[in-house]
Amino acid sequence: MQEQEQAGSAEARRRARFGTLPERVRQEDTVEERPATPRDPARDAYDPDDWLVRYCL
């Protein structure tokens, strides 16, 4: 009889801990977006006239 009570209490504890699935995690919460490298303002400073002077003249 005591074994049945222990088995019943163990089952109740197991159901209390593992009886439900965890809440669903949204896709937005699993992804972090950030640039791989810091933005370099000199990289976007293209001057077509400068290119022409350096390489064609």
Protein backbone atom coordinates (compact mmCIF):
# COMPACT_ATOMS: atom_id res chain seq x y z
CA MET A 1 0.00 0.00 0.00
CA GLN A 2 2.83 2.35 0.86
CA GLU A 3 4.48 1.66 -2.51
CA GLN A 4 1.29 2.71 -4.28
CA GLU A 5 1.19 5.97 -2.31
CA GLN A 6 4.83 6.66 -3.16
CA ALA A 7 4.20 5.82 -6.82
CA GLY A 8 1.13 8.06 -6.80
CA SER A 9 3.00 10.96 -5.22
CA ALA A 10 5.91 10.47 -7.62
CA GLU A 11 3.49 10.52 -10.54
CA ALA A 12 1.82 13.66 -9.21
CA ARG A 13 5.20 15.40 -8.85
CA ARG A 14 6.20 14.29 -12.36
CA ARG A 15 2.93 15.60 -13.82
CA ALA A 16 3.33 18.88 -11.98
CA ARG A 17 6.81 19.34 -13.42
CA PHE A 18 6.47 17.85 -16.92
CA GLY A 19 2.70 17.75 -17.45
CA THR A 20 2.52 20.67 -19.90
CA LEU A 21 4.66 21.83 -22.77
CA PRO A 22 6.62 25.05 -22.36
CA GLU A 23 5.17 28.16 -23.97
CA ARG A 24 5.95 28.66 -27.62
CA VAL A 25 8.88 30.97 -28.43
CA ARG A 26 8.19 33.48 -31.18
CA GLN A 27 10.55 33.63 -34.16
CA GLU A 28 11.22 37.33 -33.49
CA ASP A 29 12.56 36.44 -30.06
CA THR A 30 15.08 33.92 -31.40
CA VAL A 31 16.91 36.11 -33.92
CA GLU A 32 19.20 39.03 -33.21
CA GLU A 33 20.15 41.24 -36.12
CA ARG A 34 23.13 43.51 -35.94
CA PRO A 35 25.90 44.43 -38.38
CA ALA A 36 28.97 42.20 -38.43
CA THR A 37 31.33 45.16 -38.60
CA PRO A 38 30.92 48.79 -37.59
CA ARG A 39 29.78 51.11 -40.36
CA ASP A 40 32.64 52.87 -42.16
CA PRO A 41 31.54 56.27 -43.52
CA ALA A 42 34.64 56.50 -45.75
CA ARG A 43 33.53 53.40 -47.64
CA ASP A 44 30.43 55.13 -48.99
CA ALA A 45 32.25 58.33 -49.94
CA TYR A 46 32.65 57.49 -53.63
CA ASP A 47 33.59 60.41 -55.84
CA PRO A 48 33.52 59.59 -59.58
CA ASP A 49 35.66 62.60 -60.42
CA ASP A 50 38.35 61.50 -58.00
CA TRP A 51 38.40 58.04 -59.61
CA LEU A 52 38.74 59.60 -63.05
CA VAL A 53 41.66 61.80 -61.96
CA ARG A 54 43.50 58.96 -60.17
CA TYR A 55 43.27 56.28 -62.83
CA CYS A 56 42.72 57.93 -66.19
CA LEU A 57 44.84 61.04 -66.23
